[in-house]
Amino acid sequence: MIGGSGERVTLKLVAQYADLCNVFGDPAAVAHKFDVIRRHCESVGRPLDEITLGNHAGGILIAADEAGLAAEKERHPGFEGIVGTPDVVRSQLQEYADAGSEYMTYSIPRADDIEAIQLIGESVLPHLAGPQASHARG
């Protein structure tokens, strides 16, 4: 795996050597990075489909309903990333899948937040569309 988003060096190394890559940015930036990798693959004579394309989606702050979400926002003031109920989070992550991402990494504010982990695992990931939807991992 090669992680990074440098278009001239890092993404060319992805095209040459990686089995898996992890880029960063919003969905439009991720789509652009995947296009850069595709062009580098063409220049080095490697099929793009030999590389699993992935991205870091940033942090996820999730709650089952608006009341729970308000409480989470109070617990984590200034949180930056994807914030919402399962439908909102799913919609925002779907944008990455639509950009070509086959897997995503992300973080949550507290590693011991079982409710957030369960919501993501049961109410978000199984519903994402894309080539790896049945193997979604975070």
Foldseek 3Di string as FASTA:
>chain_A
DQEEQDLPPRLLCCLVDAQEYEYEDALVSLLVSLVSNCVSVVVVVHHSVSHQYEYEQEAEAEDQDPVVQVVSCVVPPPDDGQGYYQVSNQVRVLSNQVSPHLEYHYHYPDPPPVRVVCCCVPRHQCPRDHPNSVPYDD
